[in-house]
Amino acid sequence: MADSHGKYIADDAGLAFAWVGFLVYDRVGYQRRAIIGYGGGIDLVDRITNAIPDHTDSA
């Protein structure tokens, strides 16, 4: 989990990656997604969970 700069580190290490936080410049609307509170927590868990099959599909 990191901003857009973390994507390069995850690619080099071969890890799954979820875009979270400020300065997500390679995805539309991610800067407005909540990560605080119940709804934000559920959305964060969904993003992390979906990053795993996305990573295995691209490998």
PDB file of N, CA and C in Angstrom:
ATOM      1  N   MET A   1       0.834  -1.169   0.000  1.00  0.00           N
ATOM      2  CA  MET A   1       0.000   0.000   0.000  1.00  0.00           C
ATOM      3  C   MET A   1       0.885   1.240   0.000  1.00  0.00           C
ATOM      4  N   ALA A   2       0.652   2.086  -0.967  1.00  0.00           N
ATOM      5  CA  ALA A   2       1.416   3.331  -1.045  1.00  0.00           C
ATOM      6  C   ALA A   2       0.780   4.224  -2.103  1.00  0.00           C
ATOM      7  N   ASP A   3       1.394   5.374  -2.328  1.00  0.00           N
ATOM      8  CA  ASP A   3       0.925   6.245  -3.398  1.00  0.00           C
ATOM      9  C   ASP A   3       1.488   5.739  -4.724  1.00  0.00           C
ATOM     10  N   SER A   4       1.386   6.534  -5.762  1.00  0.00           N
ATOM     11  CA  SER A   4       1.802   6.088  -7.095  1.00  0.00           C
ATOM     12  C   SER A   4       3.279   5.758  -7.194  1.00  0.00           C
ATOM     13  N   HIS A   5       4.113   6.372  -6.382  1.00  0.00           N
ATOM     14  CA  HIS A   5       5.546   6.084  -6.425  1.00  0.00           C
ATOM     15  C   HIS A   5       5.860   4.669  -5.940  1.00  0.00           C
ATOM     16  N   GLY A   6       5.044   4.120  -5.076  1.00  0.00           N
ATOM     17  CA  GLY A   6       5.261   2.775  -4.559  1.00  0.00           C
ATOM     18  C   GLY A   6       5.050   1.689  -5.587  1.00  0.00           C
ATOM     19  N   LYS A   7       4.366   1.987  -6.674  1.00  0.00           N
ATOM     20  CA  LYS A   7       4.110   1.000  -7.719  1.00  0.00           C
ATOM     21  C   LYS A   7       5.409   0.464  -8.300  1.00  0.00           C
ATOM     22  N   TYR A   8       6.393   1.332  -8.485  1.00  0.00           N
ATOM     23  CA  TYR A   8       7.669   0.903  -9.063  1.00  0.00           C
ATOM     24  C   TYR A   8       8.427  -0.021  -8.116  1.00  0.00           C
ATOM     25  N   ILE A   9       8.351   0.259  -6.838  1.00  0.00           N
ATOM     26  CA  ILE A   9       9.008  -0.592  -5.842  1.00  0.00           C
ATOM     27  C   ILE A   9       8.341  -1.962  -5.803  1.00  0.00           C
ATOM     28  N   ALA A  10       6.997  -1.969  -5.836  1.00  0.00           N
ATOM     29  CA  ALA A  10       6.261  -3.237  -5.825  1.00  0.00           C
ATOM     30  C   ALA A  10       6.555  -4.052  -7.074  1.00  0.00           C
ATOM     31  N   ASP A  11       6.659  -3.393  -8.235  1.00  0.00           N
ATOM     32  CA  ASP A  11       6.987  -4.109  -9.469  1.00  0.00           C
ATOM     33  C   ASP A  11       8.373  -4.743  -9.386  1.00  0.00           C
ATOM     34  N   ASP A  12       9.344  -3.991  -8.881  1.00  0.00           N
ATOM     35  CA  ASP A  12      10.706  -4.523  -8.763  1.00  0.00           C
ATOM     36  C   ASP A  12      10.782  -5.696  -7.795  1.00  0.00           C
ATOM     37  N   ALA A  13       9.987  -5.638  -6.714  1.00  0.00           N
ATOM     38  CA  ALA A  13      10.012  -6.696  -5.706  1.00  0.00           C
ATOM     39  C   ALA A  13       9.061  -7.842  -6.041  1.00  0.00           C
ATOM     40  N   GLY A  14       8.200  -7.663  -7.055  1.00  0.00           N
ATOM     41  CA  GLY A  14       7.258  -8.705  -7.430  1.00  0.00           C
ATOM     42  C   GLY A  14       6.115  -8.865  -6.445  1.00  0.00           C
ATOM     43  N   LEU A  15       5.666  -7.761  -5.853  1.00  0.00           N
ATOM     44  CA  LEU A  15       4.619  -7.796  -4.836  1.00  0.00           C
ATOM     45  C   LEU A  15       3.310  -7.231  -5.357  1.00  0.00           C
ATOM     46  N   ALA A  16       2.211  -7.650  -4.734  1.00  0.00           N
ATOM     47  CA  ALA A  16       0.903  -7.061  -5.033  1.00  0.00           C
ATOM     48  C   ALA A  16       0.890  -5.629  -4.509  1.00  0.00           C
ATOM     49  N   PHE A  17       0.092  -4.763  -5.129  1.00  0.00           N
ATOM     50  CA  PHE A  17       0.129  -3.344  -4.795  1.00  0.00           C
ATOM     51  C   PHE A  17      -1.278  -2.773  -4.785  1.00  0.00           C
ATOM     52  N   ALA A  18      -1.577  -1.954  -3.766  1.00  0.00           N
ATOM     53  CA  ALA A  18      -2.853  -1.235  -3.680  1.00  0.00           C
ATOM     54  C   ALA A  18      -2.550   0.253  -3.553  1.00  0.00           C
ATOM     55  N   TRP A  19      -3.144   1.068  -4.420  1.00  0.00           N
ATOM     56  CA  TRP A  19      -2.956   2.516  -4.374  1.00  0.00           C
ATOM     57  C   TRP A  19      -3.757   3.086  -3.221  1.00  0.00           C
ATOM     58  N   VAL A  20      -3.069   3.768  -2.294  1.00  0.00           N
ATOM     59  CA  VAL A  20      -3.721   4.361  -1.130  1.00  0.00           C
ATOM     60  C   VAL A  20      -3.007   5.664  -0.803  1.00  0.00           C
ATOM     61  N   GLY A  21      -3.764   6.689  -0.427  1.00  0.00           N
ATOM     62  CA  GLY A  21      -3.161   7.922   0.055  1.00  0.00           C
ATOM     63  C   GLY A  21      -3.176   9.039  -0.950  1.00  0.00           C
ATOM     64  N   PHE A  22      -2.413  10.054  -0.652  1.00  0.00           N
ATOM     65  CA  PHE A  22      -2.350  11.242  -1.487  1.00  0.00           C
ATOM     66  C   PHE A  22      -1.222  11.112  -2.511  1.00  0.00           C
ATOM     67  N   LEU A  23      -1.399  11.752  -3.583  1.00  0.00           N
ATOM     68  CA  LEU A  23      -0.516  11.748  -4.735  1.00  0.00           C
ATOM     69  C   LEU A  23      -0.623  10.440  -5.519  1.00  0.00           C
ATOM     70  N   VAL A  24      -1.874  10.077  -5.790  1.00  0.00           N
ATOM     71  CA  VAL A  24      -2.126   8.982  -6.717  1.00  0.00           C
ATOM     72  C   VAL A  24      -2.433   9.656  -8.051  1.00  0.00           C
ATOM     73  N   TYR A  25      -1.414   9.765  -8.905  1.00  0.00           N
ATOM     74  CA  TYR A  25      -1.564  10.513 -10.145  1.00  0.00           C
ATOM     75  C   TYR A  25      -1.800   9.637 -11.366  1.00  0.00           C
ATOM     76  N   ASP A  26      -1.744   8.327 -11.220  1.00  0.00           N
ATOM     77  CA  ASP A  26      -1.963   7.461 -12.370  1.00  0.00           C
ATOM     78  C   ASP A  26      -3.296   6.720 -12.309  1.00  0.00           C
ATOM     79  N   ARG A  27      -4.206   7.154 -11.439  1.00  0.00           N
ATOM     80  CA  ARG A  27      -5.565   6.618 -11.341  1.00  0.00           C
ATOM     81  C   ARG A  27      -6.527   7.786 -11.188  1.00  0.00           C
ATOM     82  N   VAL A  28      -7.677   7.701 -11.805  1.00  0.00           N
ATOM     83  CA  VAL A  28      -8.662   8.786 -11.748  1.00  0.00           C
ATOM     84  C   VAL A  28      -9.562   8.604 -10.533  1.00  0.00           C
ATOM     85  N   GLY A  29      -9.694   9.643  -9.711  1.00  0.00           N
ATOM     86  CA  GLY A  29     -10.610   9.651  -8.588  1.00  0.00           C
ATOM     87  C   GLY A  29     -10.103   9.046  -7.300  1.00  0.00           C
ATOM     88  N   TYR A  30      -8.909   8.494  -7.291  1.00  0.00           N
ATOM     89  CA  TYR A  30      -8.414   7.839  -6.078  1.00  0.00           C
ATOM     90  C   TYR A  30      -8.149   8.815  -4.952  1.00  0.00           C
ATOM     91  N   GLN A  31      -7.875  10.082  -5.249  1.00  0.00           N
ATOM     92  CA  GLN A  31      -7.622  11.061  -4.195  1.00  0.00           C
ATOM     93  C   GLN A  31      -8.888  11.389  -3.412  1.00  0.00           C
ATOM     94  N   ARG A  32     -10.057  11.048  -3.928  1.00  0.00           N
ATOM     95  CA  ARG A  32     -11.315  11.314  -3.237  1.00  0.00           C
ATOM     96  C   ARG A  32     -11.872  10.103  -2.500  1.00  0.00           C
ATOM     97  N   ARG A  33     -11.209   8.961  -2.569  1.00  0.00           N
ATOM     98  CA  ARG A  33     -11.710   7.758  -1.900  1.00  0.00           C
ATOM     99  C   ARG A  33     -11.380   7.800  -0.420  1.00  0.00           C
ATOM    100  N   ALA A  34     -12.390   7.573   0.383  1.00  0.00           N
ATOM    101  CA  ALA A  34     -12.217   7.622   1.841  1.00  0.00           C
ATOM    102  C   ALA A  34     -11.511   6.363   2.338  1.00  0.00           C
ATOM    103  N   ILE A  35     -10.634   6.541   3.342  1.00  0.00           N
ATOM    104  CA  ILE A  35      -9.990   5.395   3.998  1.00  0.00           C
ATOM    105  C   ILE A  35     -10.201   5.468   5.508  1.00  0.00           C
ATOM    106  N   ILE A  36     -11.019   6.419   5.949  1.00  0.00           N
ATOM    107  CA  ILE A  36     -11.289   6.612   7.370  1.00  0.00           C
ATOM    108  C   ILE A  36     -12.755   6.274   7.639  1.00  0.00           C
ATOM    109  N   GLY A  37     -13.043   5.703   8.787  1.00  0.00           N
ATOM    110  CA  GLY A  37     -14.404   5.355   9.165  1.00  0.00           C
ATOM    111  C   GLY A  37     -14.776   3.970   8.674  1.00  0.00           C
ATOM    112  N   TYR A  38     -16.019   3.589   8.938  1.00  0.00           N
ATOM    113  CA  TYR A  38     -16.474   2.245   8.584  1.00  0.00           C
ATOM    114  C   TYR A  38     -16.466   2.029   7.074  1.00  0.00           C
ATOM    115  N   GLY A  39     -17.092   2.944   6.333  1.00  0.00           N
ATOM    116  CA  GLY A  39     -17.155   2.806   4.876  1.00  0.00           C
ATOM    117  C   GLY A  39     -15.784   2.859   4.235  1.00  0.00           C
ATOM    118  N   GLY A  40     -14.932   3.754   4.736  1.00  0.00           N
ATOM    119  CA  GLY A  40     -13.576   3.844   4.211  1.00  0.00           C
ATOM    120  C   GLY A  40     -12.766   2.609   4.526  1.00  0.00           C
ATOM    121  N   GLY A  41     -12.954   2.046   5.712  1.00  0.00           N
ATOM    122  CA  GLY A  41     -12.251   0.821   6.087  1.00  0.00           C
ATOM    123  C   GLY A  41     -12.646  -0.358   5.224  1.00  0.00           C
ATOM    124  N   ILE A  42     -13.940  -0.477   4.945  1.00  0.00           N
ATOM    125  CA  ILE A  42     -14.427  -1.556   4.071  1.00  0.00           C
ATOM    126  C   ILE A  42     -13.862  -1.378   2.668  1.00  0.00           C
ATOM    127  N   ASP A  43     -13.847  -0.130   2.170  1.00  0.00           N
ATOM    128  CA  ASP A  43     -13.294   0.134   0.844  1.00  0.00           C
ATOM    129  C   ASP A  43     -11.800  -0.185   0.798  1.00  0.00           C
ATOM    130  N   LEU A  44     -11.075   0.136   1.859  1.00  0.00           N
ATOM    131  CA  LEU A  44      -9.642  -0.156   1.926  1.00  0.00           C
ATOM    132  C   LEU A  44      -9.389  -1.665   1.910  1.00  0.00           C
ATOM    133  N   VAL A  45     -10.167  -2.415   2.665  1.00  0.00           N
ATOM    134  CA  VAL A  45     -10.035  -3.885   2.659  1.00  0.00           C
ATOM    135  C   VAL A  45     -10.348  -4.432   1.269  1.00  0.00           C
ATOM    136  N   ASP A  46     -11.362  -3.895   0.608  1.00  0.00           N
ATOM    137  CA  ASP A  46     -11.689  -4.333  -0.752  1.00  0.00           C
ATOM    138  C   ASP A  46     -10.543  -4.065  -1.722  1.00  0.00           C
ATOM    139  N   ARG A  47      -9.931  -2.890  -1.620  1.00  0.00           N
ATOM    140  CA  ARG A  47      -8.819  -2.553  -2.521  1.00  0.00           C
ATOM    141  C   ARG A  47      -7.619  -3.467  -2.299  1.00  0.00           C
ATOM    142  N   ILE A  48      -7.307  -3.740  -1.035  1.00  0.00           N
ATOM    143  CA  ILE A  48      -6.176  -4.618  -0.730  1.00  0.00           C
ATOM    144  C   ILE A  48      -6.461  -6.030  -1.226  1.00  0.00           C
ATOM    145  N   THR A  49      -7.679  -6.514  -0.980  1.00  0.00           N
ATOM    146  CA  THR A  49      -8.055  -7.860  -1.401  1.00  0.00           C
ATOM    147  C   THR A  49      -8.048  -7.998  -2.918  1.00  0.00           C
ATOM    148  N   ASN A  50      -8.513  -6.985  -3.629  1.00  0.00           N
ATOM    149  CA  ASN A  50      -8.534  -7.037  -5.090  1.00  0.00           C
ATOM    150  C   ASN A  50      -7.146  -6.889  -5.696  1.00  0.00           C
ATOM    151  N   ALA A  51      -6.199  -6.323  -4.970  1.00  0.00           N
ATOM    152  CA  ALA A  51      -4.833  -6.191  -5.482  1.00  0.00           C
ATOM    153  C   ALA A  51      -4.166  -7.547  -5.617  1.00  0.00           C
ATOM    154  N   ILE A  52      -4.528  -8.497  -4.783  1.00  0.00           N
ATOM    155  CA  ILE A  52      -3.882  -9.824  -4.819  1.00  0.00           C
ATOM    156  C   ILE A  52      -4.215 -10.580  -6.107  1.00  0.00           C
ATOM    157  N   PRO A  53      -5.496 -10.744  -6.484  1.00  0.00           N
ATOM    158  CA  PRO A  53      -5.740 -11.445  -7.757  1.00  0.00           C
ATOM    159  C   PRO A  53      -5.281 -10.638  -8.969  1.00  0.00           C
ATOM    160  N   ASP A  54      -5.300  -9.310  -8.895  1.00  0.00           N
ATOM    161  CA  ASP A  54      -4.785  -8.503 -10.000  1.00  0.00           C
ATOM    162  C   ASP A  54      -3.297  -8.789 -10.216  1.00  0.00           C
ATOM    163  N   HIS A  55      -2.579  -8.949  -9.121  1.00  0.00           N
ATOM    164  CA  HIS A  55      -1.144  -9.241  -9.209  1.00  0.00           C
ATOM    165  C   HIS A  55      -0.893 -10.628  -9.778  1.00  0.00           C
ATOM    166  N   THR A  56      -1.659 -11.608  -9.340  1.00  0.00           N
ATOM    167  CA  THR A  56      -1.448 -12.979  -9.833  1.00  0.00           C
ATOM    168  C   THR A  56      -1.911 -13.120 -11.279  1.00  0.00           C
ATOM    169  N   ASP A  57      -2.912 -12.353 -11.705  1.00  0.00           N
ATOM    170  CA  ASP A  57      -3.351 -12.394 -13.107  1.00  0.00           C
ATOM    171  C   ASP A  57      -2.320 -11.801 -14.038  1.00  0.00           C
ATOM    172  N   SER A  58      -1.587 -10.787 -13.554  1.00  0.00           N
ATOM    173  CA  SER A  58      -0.596 -10.134 -14.414  1.00  0.00           C
ATOM    174  C   SER A  58       0.734 -10.879 -14.432  1.00  0.00           C
ATOM    175  N   ALA A  59       0.924 -11.819 -13.527  1.00  0.00           N
ATOM    176  CA  ALA A  59       2.206 -12.551 -13.462  1.00  0.00           C
ATOM    177  C   ALA A  59       2.259 -13.675 -14.458  1.00  0.00           C
TER     178      ALA A  59
END
